Amino acid sequence: MMRKRLATWCLILFVMGMMFGCCPAARQGSTMPDVPASHIICGIFGGMGPEATANLYQLIVTSTPAAKDQEHIPTLIYSLPQVPDRTAAIFSGDTTIFPYLTEGVTRLEKSGASFIAIPCNTVHYFFDHMQRSVKIPIIHMIRETAAEVAAKHPGAKKVGLLATSGTIRTGLYEKELTALGIEVVKPSPEMVENNVMKAVYSIKAHGDKRQAEEWLYEAGKELEAKGAAVVVLGCTEIPLAFNAARSGVPVVSATQVLADRAIEYYQKLVKAKIN
């Protein structure tokens, strides 16, 4: 009896596959056009964290000058939340993070991505390792953000940085901004741990955004008191709760910069392909 039932179900599934084009035999006569393999595709390596990844894609969509669906950017998103904590890996020197990073960028490359954007500031500590793993370019989020500050706020000599303790400790922003003649102002260690890091991990855990906003507001005000003429949101969780309207100085979000550069990079590659 069981064998008869199994045979019956197999026959039903085969017929459905033929009807709805779920098997090669049904697709042979299909008139559906093939998607051009030559498309320029933006790859997003995310999951660090997932909400920040969704926010980057949303910013790319809303910032793209498109009048219809077909004018938006073909995008591959690989969200890998299992990547170990970046700050912990930096502090401990734990290299077990490397296979996860390699997996993230190589999977996008193998899937057809033309370039990669990574919505996580701290992971850029491992930028060279990731770039060596693929032949396609990876946008350097921190370098691009520093360039944005210099271009949009040329008179700013001091820039305040709201970022994770890992990003601050590595000096990633200091390296890029100092090279442009800009001094970096950082929150006190106590403010980083009690306000910034609490806000970041709270956002990752779907905590109270209003409380996170207050923590980040206090951290931002400390930077202003230290003379910051601009505040950089150097962690992709921070823009999800930071209220720029309450800031006394201009705010530059690294996530928005990354979205803008991804759009520009796509447009440049498309133009080069057409010409």
C-alpha atoms as a PDB file:
ATOM      1  CA  MET A   1       0.000   0.000   0.000  1.00  0.00           C
ATOM      2  CA  MET A   2       2.812   2.438   0.914  1.00  0.00           C
ATOM      3  CA  ARG A   3       4.588   1.779  -2.392  1.00  0.00           C
ATOM      4  CA  LYS A   4       1.381   2.467  -4.342  1.00  0.00           C
ATOM      5  CA  ARG A   5       0.864   5.759  -2.486  1.00  0.00           C
ATOM      6  CA  LEU A   6       4.477   6.788  -3.097  1.00  0.00           C
ATOM      7  CA  ALA A   7       4.183   5.988  -6.806  1.00  0.00           C
ATOM      8  CA  THR A   8       0.950   7.998  -7.006  1.00  0.00           C
ATOM      9  CA  TRP A   9       2.554  11.056  -5.376  1.00  0.00           C
ATOM     10  CA  CYS A  10       5.577  10.843  -7.648  1.00  0.00           C
ATOM     11  CA  LEU A  11       3.262  10.804 -10.676  1.00  0.00           C
ATOM     12  CA  ILE A  12       1.346  13.830  -9.348  1.00  0.00           C
ATOM     13  CA  LEU A  13       4.548  15.795  -8.722  1.00  0.00           C
ATOM     14  CA  PHE A  14       5.869  14.952 -12.195  1.00  0.00           C
ATOM     15  CA  VAL A  15       2.659  16.135 -13.860  1.00  0.00           C
ATOM     16  CA  MET A  16       2.660  19.366 -11.813  1.00  0.00           C
ATOM     17  CA  GLY A  17       6.274  19.939 -12.793  1.00  0.00           C
ATOM     18  CA  MET A  18       5.390  19.540 -16.454  1.00  0.00           C
ATOM     19  CA  MET A  19       2.423  21.921 -16.104  1.00  0.00           C
ATOM     20  CA  PHE A  20       4.245  24.689 -14.238  1.00  0.00           C
ATOM     21  CA  GLY A  21       7.689  24.433 -15.813  1.00  0.00           C
ATOM     22  CA  CYS A  22       9.477  22.955 -12.816  1.00  0.00           C
ATOM     23  CA  CYS A  23      11.546  20.458 -14.808  1.00  0.00           C
ATOM     24  CA  PRO A  24      13.947  20.789 -17.766  1.00  0.00           C
ATOM     25  CA  ALA A  25      11.545  19.025 -20.128  1.00  0.00           C
ATOM     26  CA  ALA A  26       8.864  21.653 -19.496  1.00  0.00           C
ATOM     27  CA  ARG A  27      11.291  24.528 -19.939  1.00  0.00           C
ATOM     28  CA  GLN A  28      12.607  23.455 -23.315  1.00  0.00           C
ATOM     29  CA  GLY A  29       9.648  24.953 -25.098  1.00  0.00           C
ATOM     30  CA  SER A  30       9.483  28.060 -22.891  1.00  0.00           C
ATOM     31  CA  THR A  31       9.383  31.459 -24.545  1.00  0.00           C
ATOM     32  CA  MET A  32      10.654  33.308 -21.460  1.00  0.00           C
ATOM     33  CA  PRO A  33      13.736  35.419 -22.265  1.00  0.00           C
ATOM     34  CA  ASP A  34      17.077  34.668 -20.648  1.00  0.00           C
ATOM     35  CA  VAL A  35      18.379  37.244 -18.194  1.00  0.00           C
ATOM     36  CA  PRO A  36      21.579  38.729 -19.654  1.00  0.00           C
ATOM     37  CA  ALA A  37      24.606  37.270 -17.901  1.00  0.00           C
ATOM     38  CA  SER A  38      26.444  40.513 -18.599  1.00  0.00           C
ATOM     39  CA  HIS A  39      24.478  42.539 -16.035  1.00  0.00           C
ATOM     40  CA  ILE A  40      26.505  44.660 -13.625  1.00  0.00           C
ATOM     41  CA  ILE A  41      25.525  43.444 -10.163  1.00  0.00           C
ATOM     42  CA  CYS A  42      26.064  45.006  -6.745  1.00  0.00           C
ATOM     43  CA  GLY A  43      26.992  42.475  -4.080  1.00  0.00           C
ATOM     44  CA  ILE A  44      26.254  43.165  -0.417  1.00  0.00           C
ATOM     45  CA  PHE A  45      28.027  41.073   2.206  1.00  0.00           C
ATOM     46  CA  GLY A  46      25.884  41.612   5.271  1.00  0.00           C
ATOM     47  CA  GLY A  47      24.553  40.086   8.456  1.00  0.00           C
ATOM     48  CA  MET A  48      26.826  42.209  10.675  1.00  0.00           C
ATOM     49  CA  GLY A  49      24.102  42.955  11.712  1.00  0.00           C
ATOM     50  CA  PRO A  50      21.030  42.009   9.672  1.00  0.00           C
ATOM     51  CA  GLU A  51      19.034  45.200  10.297  1.00  0.00           C
ATOM     52  CA  ALA A  52      21.989  47.340   9.228  1.00  0.00           C
ATOM     53  CA  THR A  53      22.210  45.257   6.054  1.00  0.00           C
ATOM     54  CA  ALA A  54      18.538  45.864   5.324  1.00  0.00           C
ATOM     55  CA  ASN A  55      19.073  49.560   5.976  1.00  0.00           C
ATOM     56  CA  LEU A  56      21.917  49.745   3.439  1.00  0.00           C
ATOM     57  CA  TYR A  57      19.787  48.119   0.750  1.00  0.00           C
ATOM     58  CA  GLN A  58      16.904  50.454   1.575  1.00  0.00           C
ATOM     59  CA  LEU A  59      19.227  53.445   1.209  1.00  0.00           C
ATOM     60  CA  ILE A  60      20.508  52.144  -2.133  1.00  0.00           C
ATOM     61  CA  VAL A  61      16.930  51.788  -3.365  1.00  0.00           C
ATOM     62  CA  THR A  62      15.763  55.193  -2.133  1.00  0.00           C
ATOM     63  CA  SER A  63      18.922  56.973  -3.344  1.00  0.00           C
ATOM     64  CA  THR A  64      18.976  55.444  -6.830  1.00  0.00           C
ATOM     65  CA  PRO A  65      17.655  57.860  -9.481  1.00  0.00           C
ATOM     66  CA  ALA A  66      15.118  55.413 -10.886  1.00  0.00           C
ATOM     67  CA  ALA A  67      11.688  56.087 -12.365  1.00  0.00           C
ATOM     68  CA  LYS A  68      10.696  52.422 -12.657  1.00  0.00           C
ATOM     69  CA  ASP A  69      11.677  48.971 -11.401  1.00  0.00           C
ATOM     70  CA  GLN A  70      13.935  48.247 -14.356  1.00  0.00           C
ATOM     71  CA  GLU A  71      16.146  51.270 -13.573  1.00  0.00           C
ATOM     72  CA  HIS A  72      17.133  50.000 -10.133  1.00  0.00           C
ATOM     73  CA  ILE A  73      20.403  48.216  -9.443  1.00  0.00           C
ATOM     74  CA  PRO A  74      20.619  44.399  -9.748  1.00  0.00           C
ATOM     75  CA  THR A  75      21.712  43.335  -6.287  1.00  0.00           C
ATOM     76  CA  LEU A  76      22.862  40.162  -4.568  1.00  0.00           C
ATOM     77  CA  ILE A  77      22.669  40.179  -0.756  1.00  0.00           C
ATOM     78  CA  TYR A  78      24.452  37.529   1.260  1.00  0.00           C
ATOM     79  CA  SER A  79      23.568  37.976   4.902  1.00  0.00           C
ATOM     80  CA  LEU A  80      25.781  35.821   7.114  1.00  0.00           C
ATOM     81  CA  PRO A  81      24.921  36.635  10.746  1.00  0.00           C
ATOM     82  CA  GLN A  82      27.159  33.791  11.949  1.00  0.00           C
ATOM     83  CA  VAL A  83      30.300  35.878  11.352  1.00  0.00           C
ATOM     84  CA  PRO A  84      31.943  36.044  14.813  1.00  0.00           C
ATOM     85  CA  ASP A  85      31.829  39.318  16.735  1.00  0.00           C
ATOM     86  CA  ARG A  86      34.274  41.646  14.979  1.00  0.00           C
ATOM     87  CA  THR A  87      35.244  43.670  18.052  1.00  0.00           C
ATOM     88  CA  ALA A  88      35.935  40.507  20.070  1.00  0.00           C
ATOM     89  CA  ALA A  89      38.009  39.064  17.220  1.00  0.00           C
ATOM     90  CA  ILE A  90      40.129  42.220  17.028  1.00  0.00           C
ATOM     91  CA  PHE A  91      40.738  42.379  20.769  1.00  0.00           C
ATOM     92  CA  SER A  92      41.582  38.669  21.091  1.00  0.00           C
ATOM     93  CA  GLY A  93      43.442  38.243  17.802  1.00  0.00           C
ATOM     94  CA  ASP A  94      41.172  35.286  17.031  1.00  0.00           C
ATOM     95  CA  THR A  95      41.684  34.263  13.386  1.00  0.00           C
ATOM     96  CA  THR A  96      38.679  31.938  13.270  1.00  0.00           C
ATOM     97  CA  ILE A  97      36.789  34.858  11.768  1.00  0.00           C
ATOM     98  CA  PHE A  98      38.756  34.576   8.513  1.00  0.00           C
ATOM     99  CA  PRO A  99      36.884  31.612   6.957  1.00  0.00           C
ATOM    100  CA  TYR A 100      33.580  33.424   7.478  1.00  0.00           C
ATOM    101  CA  LEU A 101      34.860  36.565   5.780  1.00  0.00           C
ATOM    102  CA  THR A 102      36.327  34.590   2.906  1.00  0.00           C
ATOM    103  CA  GLU A 103      33.057  32.696   2.513  1.00  0.00           C
ATOM    104  CA  GLY A 104      31.087  35.949   2.412  1.00  0.00           C
ATOM    105  CA  VAL A 105      33.014  37.700  -0.339  1.00  0.00           C
ATOM    106  CA  THR A 106      33.824  34.641  -2.459  1.00  0.00           C
ATOM    107  CA  ARG A 107      30.217  33.465  -2.501  1.00  0.00           C
ATOM    108  CA  LEU A 108      29.165  36.842  -3.897  1.00  0.00           C
ATOM    109  CA  GLU A 109      31.924  36.760  -6.501  1.00  0.00           C
ATOM    110  CA  LYS A 110      30.998  33.238  -7.608  1.00  0.00           C
ATOM    111  CA  SER A 111      27.338  34.266  -7.780  1.00  0.00           C
ATOM    112  CA  GLY A 112      28.118  37.021 -10.280  1.00  0.00           C
ATOM    113  CA  ALA A 113      28.642  40.172  -8.224  1.00  0.00           C
ATOM    114  CA  SER A 114      30.658  42.869 -10.012  1.00  0.00           C
ATOM    115  CA  PHE A 115      31.715  44.637  -6.808  1.00  0.00           C
ATOM    116  CA  ILE A 116      31.012  44.336  -3.086  1.00  0.00           C
ATOM    117  CA  ALA A 117      29.755  46.676  -0.375  1.00  0.00           C
ATOM    118  CA  ILE A 118      30.016  45.613   3.274  1.00  0.00           C
ATOM    119  CA  PRO A 119      27.772  47.449   5.780  1.00  0.00           C
ATOM    120  CA  CYS A 120      30.006  46.989   8.813  1.00  0.00           C
ATOM    121  CA  ASN A 121      32.700  49.466   9.773  1.00  0.00           C
ATOM    122  CA  THR A 122      34.581  47.295  12.250  1.00  0.00           C
ATOM    123  CA  VAL A 123      35.049  44.416   9.798  1.00  0.00           C
ATOM    124  CA  HIS A 124      37.093  46.750   7.600  1.00  0.00           C
ATOM    125  CA  TYR A 125      39.953  45.981   9.974  1.00  0.00           C
ATOM    126  CA  PHE A 126      40.128  42.773   7.895  1.00  0.00           C
ATOM    127  CA  PHE A 127      39.685  44.586   4.569  1.00  0.00           C
ATOM    128  CA  ASP A 128      42.973  43.451   3.030  1.00  0.00           C
ATOM    129  CA  HIS A 129      42.223  39.813   3.811  1.00  0.00           C
ATOM    130  CA  MET A 130      38.806  40.054   2.152  1.00  0.00           C
ATOM    131  CA  GLN A 131      40.098  41.923  -0.890  1.00  0.00           C
ATOM    132  CA  ARG A 132      42.842  39.338  -1.435  1.00  0.00           C
ATOM    133  CA  SER A 133      40.174  36.643  -1.440  1.00  0.00           C
ATOM    134  CA  VAL A 134      38.392  37.986  -4.534  1.00  0.00           C
ATOM    135  CA  LYS A 135      39.240  39.557  -7.878  1.00  0.00           C
ATOM    136  CA  ILE A 136      36.318  41.991  -7.873  1.00  0.00           C
ATOM    137  CA  PRO A 137      36.681  45.303  -5.989  1.00  0.00           C
ATOM    138  CA  ILE A 138      35.367  45.851  -2.475  1.00  0.00           C
ATOM    139  CA  ILE A 139      34.333  49.409  -1.620  1.00  0.00           C
ATOM    140  CA  HIS A 140      36.341  50.672   1.364  1.00  0.00           C
ATOM    141  CA  MET A 141      33.578  52.121   3.517  1.00  0.00           C
ATOM    142  CA  ILE A 142      35.814  54.000   5.945  1.00  0.00           C
ATOM    143  CA  ARG A 143      38.066  55.510   3.276  1.00  0.00           C
ATOM    144  CA  GLU A 144      35.042  56.708   1.342  1.00  0.00           C
ATOM    145  CA  THR A 145      33.467  58.204   4.461  1.00  0.00           C
ATOM    146  CA  ALA A 146      36.645  60.143   5.261  1.00  0.00           C
ATOM    147  CA  ALA A 147      36.688  61.457   1.693  1.00  0.00           C
ATOM    148  CA  GLU A 148      33.041  62.477   2.052  1.00  0.00           C
ATOM    149  CA  VAL A 149      33.790  64.460   5.202  1.00  0.00           C
ATOM    150  CA  ALA A 150      36.675  66.284   3.528  1.00  0.00           C
ATOM    151  CA  ALA A 151      34.610  67.048   0.418  1.00  0.00           C
ATOM    152  CA  LYS A 152      31.368  68.123   2.105  1.00  0.00           C
ATOM    153  CA  HIS A 153      32.877  69.845   5.158  1.00  0.00           C
ATOM    154  CA  PRO A 154      36.216  71.310   4.019  1.00  0.00           C
ATOM    155  CA  GLY A 155      36.406  73.694   6.959  1.00  0.00           C
ATOM    156  CA  ALA A 156      36.129  70.973   9.601  1.00  0.00           C
ATOM    157  CA  LYS A 157      39.410  70.490  11.432  1.00  0.00           C
ATOM    158  CA  LYS A 158      37.990  68.253  14.169  1.00  0.00           C
ATOM    159  CA  VAL A 159      35.608  65.367  13.481  1.00  0.00           C
ATOM    160  CA  GLY A 160      33.854  63.433  16.204  1.00  0.00           C
ATOM    161  CA  LEU A 161      33.618  59.667  15.814  1.00  0.00           C
ATOM    162  CA  LEU A 162      30.792  57.520  17.146  1.00  0.00           C
ATOM    163  CA  ALA A 163      31.895  53.931  16.618  1.00  0.00           C
ATOM    164  CA  THR A 164      32.413  50.609  18.342  1.00  0.00           C
ATOM    165  CA  SER A 165      35.334  50.131  20.701  1.00  0.00           C
ATOM    166  CA  GLY A 166      36.851  47.826  18.068  1.00  0.00           C
ATOM    167  CA  THR A 167      36.747  50.445  15.335  1.00  0.00           C
ATOM    168  CA  ILE A 168      38.121  53.100  17.663  1.00  0.00           C
ATOM    169  CA  ARG A 169      40.907  50.867  18.969  1.00  0.00           C
ATOM    170  CA  THR A 170      42.122  49.959  15.481  1.00  0.00           C
ATOM    171  CA  GLY A 171      42.427  53.608  14.462  1.00  0.00           C
ATOM    172  CA  LEU A 172      40.770  52.911  11.113  1.00  0.00           C
ATOM    173  CA  TYR A 173      39.108  56.310  10.912  1.00  0.00           C
ATOM    174  CA  GLU A 174      42.077  58.123  12.403  1.00  0.00           C
ATOM    175  CA  LYS A 175      44.334  56.743   9.677  1.00  0.00           C
ATOM    176  CA  GLU A 176      42.074  57.940   6.865  1.00  0.00           C
ATOM    177  CA  LEU A 177      41.063  61.287   8.357  1.00  0.00           C
ATOM    178  CA  THR A 178      44.517  62.241   9.630  1.00  0.00           C
ATOM    179  CA  ALA A 179      45.868  61.718   6.117  1.00  0.00           C
ATOM    180  CA  LEU A 180      43.391  64.403   5.033  1.00  0.00           C
ATOM    181  CA  GLY A 181      44.522  66.819   7.754  1.00  0.00           C
ATOM    182  CA  ILE A 182      41.533  66.193  10.014  1.00  0.00           C
ATOM    183  CA  GLU A 183      41.793  65.502  13.749  1.00  0.00           C
ATOM    184  CA  VAL A 184      39.584  62.763  15.187  1.00  0.00           C
ATOM    185  CA  VAL A 185      37.764  63.412  18.454  1.00  0.00           C
ATOM    186  CA  LYS A 186      36.599  60.280  20.297  1.00  0.00           C
ATOM    187  CA  PRO A 187      34.207  59.718  23.196  1.00  0.00           C
ATOM    188  CA  SER A 188      35.742  58.894  26.554  1.00  0.00           C
ATOM    189  CA  PRO A 189      36.297  55.159  27.187  1.00  0.00           C
ATOM    190  CA  GLU A 190      33.457  55.265  29.723  1.00  0.00           C
ATOM    191  CA  MET A 191      31.114  56.841  27.189  1.00  0.00           C
ATOM    192  CA  VAL A 192      32.061  54.245  24.579  1.00  0.00           C
ATOM    193  CA  GLU A 193      31.312  51.327  26.887  1.00  0.00           C
ATOM    194  CA  ASN A 194      28.316  52.723  28.781  1.00  0.00           C
ATOM    195  CA  ASN A 195      26.587  54.484  25.913  1.00  0.00           C
ATOM    196  CA  VAL A 196      27.826  53.608  22.431  1.00  0.00           C
ATOM    197  CA  MET A 197      28.399  49.877  22.885  1.00  0.00           C
ATOM    198  CA  LYS A 198      25.214  49.487  24.927  1.00  0.00           C
ATOM    199  CA  ALA A 199      23.269  51.198  22.155  1.00  0.00           C
ATOM    200  CA  VAL A 200      24.876  49.084  19.420  1.00  0.00           C
ATOM    201  CA  TYR A 201      24.206  45.754  21.121  1.00  0.00           C
ATOM    202  CA  SER A 202      20.712  46.874  22.133  1.00  0.00           C
ATOM    203  CA  ILE A 203      19.882  47.665  18.506  1.00  0.00           C
ATOM    204  CA  LYS A 204      21.216  44.275  17.411  1.00  0.00           C
ATOM    205  CA  ALA A 205      18.929  42.631  20.003  1.00  0.00           C
ATOM    206  CA  HIS A 206      15.841  44.635  18.943  1.00  0.00           C
ATOM    207  CA  GLY A 207      16.010  46.648  22.149  1.00  0.00           C
ATOM    208  CA  ASP A 208      14.345  49.965  22.949  1.00  0.00           C
ATOM    209  CA  LYS A 209      15.357  52.383  20.158  1.00  0.00           C
ATOM    210  CA  ARG A 210      14.359  55.380  22.282  1.00  0.00           C
ATOM    211  CA  GLN A 211      16.797  54.359  25.003  1.00  0.00           C
ATOM    212  CA  ALA A 212      19.485  53.759  22.395  1.00  0.00           C
ATOM    213  CA  GLU A 213      18.802  57.216  20.973  1.00  0.00           C
ATOM    214  CA  GLU A 214      19.349  58.786  24.395  1.00  0.00           C
ATOM    215  CA  TRP A 215      22.639  56.936  24.905  1.00  0.00           C
ATOM    216  CA  LEU A 216      23.878  58.051  21.496  1.00  0.00           C
ATOM    217  CA  TYR A 217      22.629  61.603  22.016  1.00  0.00           C
ATOM    218  CA  GLU A 218      24.757  61.900  25.169  1.00  0.00           C
ATOM    219  CA  ALA A 219      27.786  60.498  23.335  1.00  0.00           C
ATOM    220  CA  GLY A 220      27.289  62.944  20.486  1.00  0.00           C
ATOM    221  CA  LYS A 221      27.020  65.889  22.853  1.00  0.00           C
ATOM    222  CA  GLU A 222      30.299  64.884  24.483  1.00  0.00           C
ATOM    223  CA  LEU A 223      31.970  65.019  21.062  1.00  0.00           C
ATOM    224  CA  GLU A 224      30.516  68.477  20.412  1.00  0.00           C
ATOM    225  CA  ALA A 225      31.825  69.654  23.787  1.00  0.00           C
ATOM    226  CA  LYS A 226      35.286  68.450  22.723  1.00  0.00           C
ATOM    227  CA  GLY A 227      35.152  70.686  19.662  1.00  0.00           C
ATOM    228  CA  ALA A 228      33.903  68.346  16.939  1.00  0.00           C
ATOM    229  CA  ALA A 229      32.627  70.320  13.950  1.00  0.00           C
ATOM    230  CA  VAL A 230      31.144  67.189  12.347  1.00  0.00           C
ATOM    231  CA  VAL A 231      30.038  63.862  13.817  1.00  0.00           C
ATOM    232  CA  VAL A 232      30.646  60.652  11.860  1.00  0.00           C
ATOM    233  CA  LEU A 233      28.350  57.715  12.539  1.00  0.00           C
ATOM    234  CA  GLY A 234      31.022  55.063  12.142  1.00  0.00           C
ATOM    235  CA  CYS A 235      28.943  51.998  12.975  1.00  0.00           C
ATOM    236  CA  THR A 236      26.066  50.781  10.816  1.00  0.00           C
ATOM    237  CA  GLU A 237      23.800  50.188  13.837  1.00  0.00           C
ATOM    238  CA  ILE A 238      24.153  53.768  15.073  1.00  0.00           C
ATOM    239  CA  PRO A 239      22.137  55.468  12.259  1.00  0.00           C
ATOM    240  CA  LEU A 240      19.223  53.173  13.160  1.00  0.00           C
ATOM    241  CA  ALA A 241      18.761  55.056  16.441  1.00  0.00           C
ATOM    242  CA  PHE A 242      20.818  58.272  16.274  1.00  0.00           C
ATOM    243  CA  ASN A 243      18.600  61.337  15.818  1.00  0.00           C
ATOM    244  CA  ALA A 244      20.537  63.730  13.583  1.00  0.00           C
ATOM    245  CA  ALA A 245      17.923  66.442  14.191  1.00  0.00           C
ATOM    246  CA  ARG A 246      19.101  66.686  17.810  1.00  0.00           C
ATOM    247  CA  SER A 247      22.739  67.149  16.834  1.00  0.00           C
ATOM    248  CA  GLY A 248      24.277  70.593  17.115  1.00  0.00           C
ATOM    249  CA  VAL A 249      26.697  69.877  14.242  1.00  0.00           C
ATOM    250  CA  PRO A 250      26.410  68.209  10.807  1.00  0.00           C
ATOM    251  CA  VAL A 251      26.251  64.410  10.809  1.00  0.00           C
ATOM    252  CA  VAL A 252      27.794  62.058   8.244  1.00  0.00           C
ATOM    253  CA  SER A 253      26.458  58.495   8.175  1.00  0.00           C
ATOM    254  CA  ALA A 254      28.946  55.944   6.862  1.00  0.00           C
ATOM    255  CA  THR A 255      26.020  53.769   5.775  1.00  0.00           C
ATOM    256  CA  GLN A 256      24.621  56.526   3.562  1.00  0.00           C
ATOM    257  CA  VAL A 257      28.086  57.148   2.118  1.00  0.00           C
ATOM    258  CA  LEU A 258      28.423  53.438   1.296  1.00  0.00           C
ATOM    259  CA  ALA A 259      25.018  53.455  -0.406  1.00  0.00           C
ATOM    260  CA  ASP A 260      25.975  56.506  -2.470  1.00  0.00           C
ATOM    261  CA  ARG A 261      29.300  55.003  -3.501  1.00  0.00           C
ATOM    262  CA  ALA A 262      27.679  51.702  -4.459  1.00  0.00           C
ATOM    263  CA  ILE A 263      25.316  53.577  -6.767  1.00  0.00           C
ATOM    264  CA  GLU A 264      28.174  55.603  -8.248  1.00  0.00           C
ATOM    265  CA  TYR A 265      30.282  52.480  -8.726  1.00  0.00           C
ATOM    266  CA  TYR A 266      27.442  50.712 -10.490  1.00  0.00           C
ATOM    267  CA  GLN A 267      26.823  53.675 -12.791  1.00  0.00           C
ATOM    268  CA  LYS A 268      30.527  53.889 -13.615  1.00  0.00           C
ATOM    269  CA  LEU A 269      30.740  50.198 -14.523  1.00  0.00           C
ATOM    270  CA  VAL A 270      27.603  50.396 -16.647  1.00  0.00           C
ATOM    271  CA  LYS A 271      28.936  53.438 -18.491  1.00  0.00           C
ATOM    272  CA  ALA A 272      32.281  51.717 -19.108  1.00  0.00           C
ATOM    273  CA  LYS A 273      30.496  48.630 -20.443  1.00  0.00           C
ATOM    274  CA  ILE A 274      28.342  50.690 -22.816  1.00  0.00           C
ATOM    275  CA  ASN A 275      31.363  52.607 -24.127  1.00  0.00           C
END
